[in-house]
Amino acid sequence: MKTSGMVSSGREDKTPLRLLRERAGLTQPELGRQVGVSDRNIRDWENGSSMPRIDRAAALARVLKISLKDLCRALGVDVSGIPDDSEASEHQAEPEDPS
C-alpha cells in the first residue's frame, strides 16, 4: 500500500529512499559514510525533512546504483516532462567544428 510516498510494511512505514537503501544492504551510517554525510542527513532525507544538495544527490545515486531521475522520484520530486538520459542526449547540439 502506497500513500504520500510511504510504503506500509507491517508496523512501520518505509519511504522509497529507505527501501532503496535497504535494497542496497546499507545502514544509514554506512550510506552516510559512502556519500560523505552524517547518518542524520540520511535520516532527514529519508523522512523528507530535507533534500540533498545536487552533489550529494549524485553521490547517493551512484552508491545506490540508480539514475538521478529515479532518485528524484524516491525523494518525491516531480520529474514529469524531464527527458530520460537517452532522449536528452539525442537532442544535444553537436559541437561546432573549430576549423
N, C-alpha and C. Protein backbone atom coordinates (compact mmCIF):
# COMPACT_ATOMS: atom_id res chain seq x y z
N MET A 1 0.84 -1.18 0.00
CA MET A 1 0.00 0.00 0.00
C MET A 1 0.88 1.24 0.00
N LYS A 2 0.63 2.16 -0.88
CA LYS A 2 1.46 3.34 -1.01
C LYS A 2 0.62 4.58 -0.76
N THR A 3 1.06 5.40 0.20
CA THR A 3 0.37 6.64 0.48
C THR A 3 1.38 7.73 0.73
N SER A 4 1.23 8.83 0.01
CA SER A 4 2.10 10.00 0.14
C SER A 4 3.59 9.66 0.25
N GLY A 5 4.06 8.78 -0.63
CA GLY A 5 5.47 8.46 -0.65
C GLY A 5 5.91 7.44 0.37
N MET A 6 5.01 6.98 1.21
CA MET A 6 5.35 6.00 2.23
C MET A 6 4.80 4.65 1.82
N VAL A 7 5.54 3.60 2.10
CA VAL A 7 5.11 2.25 1.80
C VAL A 7 4.87 1.56 3.13
N SER A 8 3.63 1.07 3.32
CA SER A 8 3.31 0.43 4.58
C SER A 8 3.81 -0.99 4.57
N SER A 9 4.56 -1.33 5.60
CA SER A 9 5.13 -2.66 5.70
C SER A 9 5.01 -3.12 7.14
N GLY A 10 3.88 -3.73 7.46
CA GLY A 10 3.69 -4.18 8.83
C GLY A 10 3.52 -3.01 9.76
N ARG A 11 4.38 -2.94 10.77
CA ARG A 11 4.27 -1.90 11.79
C ARG A 11 4.91 -0.58 11.40
N GLU A 12 5.76 -0.56 10.43
CA GLU A 12 6.45 0.68 10.12
C GLU A 12 6.24 1.07 8.66
N ASP A 13 6.27 2.38 8.43
CA ASP A 13 6.17 2.90 7.08
C ASP A 13 7.57 3.16 6.56
N LYS A 14 7.81 2.73 5.34
CA LYS A 14 9.14 2.90 4.74
C LYS A 14 9.02 3.79 3.51
N THR A 15 9.86 4.80 3.46
CA THR A 15 9.88 5.69 2.31
C THR A 15 10.60 5.00 1.16
N PRO A 16 10.37 5.46 -0.07
CA PRO A 16 11.08 4.87 -1.21
C PRO A 16 12.60 4.95 -1.05
N LEU A 17 13.12 6.05 -0.50
CA LEU A 17 14.57 6.17 -0.32
C LEU A 17 15.07 5.13 0.69
N ARG A 18 14.33 4.92 1.75
CA ARG A 18 14.73 3.91 2.73
C ARG A 18 14.73 2.52 2.10
N LEU A 19 13.71 2.24 1.28
CA LEU A 19 13.65 0.94 0.61
C LEU A 19 14.86 0.75 -0.32
N LEU A 20 15.25 1.80 -1.02
CA LEU A 20 16.43 1.73 -1.90
C LEU A 20 17.69 1.46 -1.08
N ARG A 21 17.82 2.15 0.05
CA ARG A 21 18.99 1.93 0.91
C ARG A 21 19.03 0.50 1.43
N GLU A 22 17.88 0.02 1.89
CA GLU A 22 17.82 -1.35 2.41
C GLU A 22 18.09 -2.37 1.31
N ARG A 23 17.58 -2.09 0.11
CA ARG A 23 17.84 -2.99 -1.02
C ARG A 23 19.33 -3.08 -1.33
N ALA A 24 20.03 -1.97 -1.09
CA ALA A 24 21.48 -1.94 -1.30
C ALA A 24 22.22 -2.60 -0.13
N GLY A 25 21.49 -3.00 0.91
CA GLY A 25 22.10 -3.67 2.05
C GLY A 25 22.90 -2.74 2.95
N LEU A 26 22.50 -1.48 3.02
CA LEU A 26 23.25 -0.49 3.79
C LEU A 26 22.44 0.06 4.96
N THR A 27 23.12 0.36 6.04
CA THR A 27 22.50 1.07 7.15
C THR A 27 22.62 2.56 6.87
N GLN A 28 21.92 3.38 7.64
CA GLN A 28 22.05 4.83 7.46
C GLN A 28 23.49 5.30 7.68
N PRO A 29 24.17 4.85 8.76
CA PRO A 29 25.57 5.27 8.92
C PRO A 29 26.48 4.83 7.77
N GLU A 30 26.27 3.61 7.25
CA GLU A 30 27.10 3.12 6.14
C GLU A 30 26.88 3.96 4.89
N LEU A 31 25.61 4.24 4.58
CA LEU A 31 25.31 5.06 3.41
C LEU A 31 25.88 6.46 3.59
N GLY A 32 25.73 7.01 4.79
CA GLY A 32 26.27 8.33 5.06
C GLY A 32 27.77 8.40 4.82
N ARG A 33 28.49 7.38 5.29
CA ARG A 33 29.95 7.36 5.08
C ARG A 33 30.29 7.32 3.60
N GLN A 34 29.56 6.51 2.83
CA GLN A 34 29.86 6.39 1.41
C GLN A 34 29.51 7.66 0.63
N VAL A 35 28.50 8.38 1.10
CA VAL A 35 28.08 9.60 0.41
C VAL A 35 28.85 10.82 0.93
N GLY A 36 29.39 10.70 2.14
CA GLY A 36 30.14 11.81 2.72
C GLY A 36 29.31 12.73 3.59
N VAL A 37 28.25 12.17 4.21
CA VAL A 37 27.39 12.96 5.10
C VAL A 37 27.14 12.16 6.37
N SER A 38 26.50 12.78 7.33
CA SER A 38 26.19 12.09 8.58
C SER A 38 24.96 11.20 8.41
N ASP A 39 24.82 10.25 9.33
CA ASP A 39 23.61 9.42 9.28
C ASP A 39 22.37 10.27 9.56
N ARG A 40 22.53 11.40 10.24
CA ARG A 40 21.41 12.32 10.47
C ARG A 40 20.91 12.88 9.13
N ASN A 41 21.85 13.23 8.24
CA ASN A 41 21.45 13.69 6.91
C ASN A 41 20.63 12.62 6.18
N ILE A 42 21.10 11.38 6.24
CA ILE A 42 20.39 10.29 5.58
C ILE A 42 18.99 10.16 6.17
N ARG A 43 18.90 10.20 7.49
CA ARG A 43 17.60 10.10 8.18
C ARG A 43 16.67 11.24 7.73
N ASP A 44 17.20 12.46 7.66
CA ASP A 44 16.40 13.61 7.24
C ASP A 44 15.93 13.46 5.80
N TRP A 45 16.80 12.95 4.92
CA TRP A 45 16.41 12.74 3.52
C TRP A 45 15.34 11.67 3.44
N GLU A 46 15.51 10.60 4.23
CA GLU A 46 14.54 9.51 4.19
C GLU A 46 13.17 9.94 4.71
N ASN A 47 13.13 10.78 5.73
CA ASN A 47 11.82 11.17 6.26
C ASN A 47 11.27 12.43 5.60
N GLY A 48 12.00 12.99 4.65
CA GLY A 48 11.50 14.12 3.86
C GLY A 48 11.65 15.47 4.53
N SER A 49 12.38 15.56 5.64
CA SER A 49 12.52 16.85 6.30
C SER A 49 13.58 17.73 5.65
N SER A 50 14.42 17.15 4.79
CA SER A 50 15.37 17.94 4.00
C SER A 50 15.69 17.19 2.71
N MET A 51 16.32 17.92 1.79
CA MET A 51 16.69 17.34 0.50
C MET A 51 18.20 17.46 0.32
N PRO A 52 18.81 16.48 -0.34
CA PRO A 52 20.25 16.55 -0.56
C PRO A 52 20.61 17.61 -1.60
N ARG A 53 21.79 18.22 -1.43
CA ARG A 53 22.33 19.10 -2.47
C ARG A 53 22.57 18.24 -3.71
N ILE A 54 22.72 18.88 -4.85
CA ILE A 54 22.88 18.14 -6.10
C ILE A 54 24.13 17.26 -6.10
N ASP A 55 25.24 17.71 -5.51
CA ASP A 55 26.44 16.88 -5.48
C ASP A 55 26.23 15.67 -4.57
N ARG A 56 25.50 15.86 -3.49
CA ARG A 56 25.19 14.73 -2.60
C ARG A 56 24.19 13.79 -3.27
N ALA A 57 23.25 14.35 -4.01
CA ALA A 57 22.29 13.51 -4.73
C ALA A 57 23.00 12.64 -5.76
N ALA A 58 23.99 13.22 -6.45
CA ALA A 58 24.76 12.44 -7.42
C ALA A 58 25.50 11.30 -6.73
N ALA A 59 26.12 11.60 -5.58
CA ALA A 59 26.84 10.56 -4.83
C ALA A 59 25.87 9.49 -4.34
N LEU A 60 24.71 9.92 -3.88
CA LEU A 60 23.68 8.99 -3.39
C LEU A 60 23.21 8.06 -4.51
N ALA A 61 22.94 8.63 -5.68
CA ALA A 61 22.52 7.83 -6.83
C ALA A 61 23.62 6.85 -7.23
N ARG A 62 24.85 7.30 -7.19
CA ARG A 62 25.98 6.44 -7.55
C ARG A 62 26.09 5.25 -6.59
N VAL A 63 26.01 5.52 -5.29
CA VAL A 63 26.11 4.45 -4.30
C VAL A 63 24.93 3.49 -4.41
N LEU A 64 23.73 4.02 -4.62
CA LEU A 64 22.53 3.18 -4.70
C LEU A 64 22.37 2.54 -6.08
N LYS A 65 23.24 2.95 -7.02
CA LYS A 65 23.22 2.41 -8.38
C LYS A 65 21.87 2.64 -9.07
N ILE A 66 21.40 3.90 -8.98
CA ILE A 66 20.16 4.30 -9.63
C ILE A 66 20.42 5.61 -10.38
N SER A 67 19.52 5.96 -11.27
CA SER A 67 19.66 7.22 -12.00
C SER A 67 19.25 8.38 -11.11
N LEU A 68 19.71 9.57 -11.45
CA LEU A 68 19.29 10.76 -10.71
C LEU A 68 17.78 10.95 -10.82
N LYS A 69 17.23 10.62 -11.96
CA LYS A 69 15.79 10.75 -12.13
C LYS A 69 15.05 9.82 -11.18
N ASP A 70 15.52 8.57 -11.05
CA ASP A 70 14.90 7.64 -10.11
C ASP A 70 15.09 8.11 -8.67
N LEU A 71 16.24 8.70 -8.37
CA LEU A 71 16.46 9.23 -7.03
C LEU A 71 15.49 10.36 -6.75
N CYS A 72 15.30 11.24 -7.72
CA CYS A 72 14.34 12.33 -7.55
C CYS A 72 12.95 11.78 -7.25
N ARG A 73 12.54 10.76 -7.99
CA ARG A 73 11.24 10.13 -7.72
C ARG A 73 11.17 9.62 -6.28
N ALA A 74 12.25 8.96 -5.83
CA ALA A 74 12.28 8.40 -4.48
C ALA A 74 12.21 9.51 -3.43
N LEU A 75 12.71 10.69 -3.76
CA LEU A 75 12.67 11.82 -2.84
C LEU A 75 11.36 12.61 -2.95
N GLY A 76 10.48 12.18 -3.86
CA GLY A 76 9.19 12.85 -4.00
C GLY A 76 9.20 14.05 -4.93
N VAL A 77 10.22 14.15 -5.77
CA VAL A 77 10.32 15.26 -6.72
C VAL A 77 9.60 14.88 -8.01
N ASP A 78 8.76 15.80 -8.51
CA ASP A 78 8.04 15.57 -9.75
C ASP A 78 9.01 15.67 -10.92
N VAL A 79 9.19 14.58 -11.64
CA VAL A 79 10.12 14.57 -12.77
C VAL A 79 9.38 14.46 -14.10
N SER A 80 8.08 14.69 -14.09
CA SER A 80 7.34 14.61 -15.34
C SER A 80 7.83 15.70 -16.29
N GLY A 81 7.98 15.33 -17.54
CA GLY A 81 8.46 16.27 -18.55
C GLY A 81 9.97 16.34 -18.67
N ILE A 82 10.69 15.69 -17.78
CA ILE A 82 12.15 15.66 -17.87
C ILE A 82 12.52 14.45 -18.71
N PRO A 83 13.25 14.67 -19.80
CA PRO A 83 13.58 13.53 -20.66
C PRO A 83 14.53 12.55 -19.97
N ASP A 84 14.43 11.30 -20.37
CA ASP A 84 15.40 10.30 -19.91
C ASP A 84 16.74 10.64 -20.52
N ASP A 85 17.81 10.10 -19.94
CA ASP A 85 19.15 10.40 -20.44
C ASP A 85 19.29 10.10 -21.93
N SER A 86 18.75 8.97 -22.38
CA SER A 86 18.88 8.61 -23.79
C SER A 86 18.16 9.62 -24.68
N GLU A 87 17.00 10.11 -24.23
CA GLU A 87 16.26 11.10 -25.01
C GLU A 87 16.99 12.43 -25.01
N ALA A 88 17.54 12.80 -23.87
CA ALA A 88 18.23 14.09 -23.76
C ALA A 88 19.47 14.13 -24.64
N SER A 89 20.21 13.02 -24.68
CA SER A 89 21.43 13.01 -25.48
C SER A 89 21.13 13.09 -26.97
N GLU A 90 19.97 12.62 -27.39
CA GLU A 90 19.59 12.71 -28.80
C GLU A 90 19.35 14.15 -29.22
N HIS A 91 18.96 15.00 -28.25
CA HIS A 91 18.61 16.39 -28.56
C HIS A 91 19.75 17.36 -28.30
N GLN A 92 20.88 16.87 -27.85
CA GLN A 92 22.01 17.77 -27.60
C GLN A 92 22.59 18.23 -28.93
N ALA A 93 22.97 19.48 -28.95
CA ALA A 93 23.57 20.04 -30.17
C ALA A 93 24.95 19.46 -30.37
N GLU A 94 25.29 19.22 -31.61
CA GLU A 94 26.64 18.75 -31.94
C GLU A 94 27.60 19.90 -31.77
N PRO A 95 28.79 19.65 -31.23
CA PRO A 95 29.78 20.74 -31.09
C PRO A 95 30.17 21.26 -32.47
N GLU A 96 30.38 22.57 -32.54
CA GLU A 96 30.76 23.17 -33.83
C GLU A 96 32.19 22.80 -34.18
N ASP A 97 32.44 22.64 -35.47
CA ASP A 97 33.78 22.32 -35.95
C ASP A 97 34.62 23.59 -35.86
N PRO A 98 35.73 23.57 -35.09
CA PRO A 98 36.53 24.79 -34.90
C PRO A 98 37.29 25.23 -36.15
N SER A 99 37.32 24.43 -37.23
CA SER A 99 38.10 24.83 -38.42
C SER A 99 37.40 25.79 -39.32
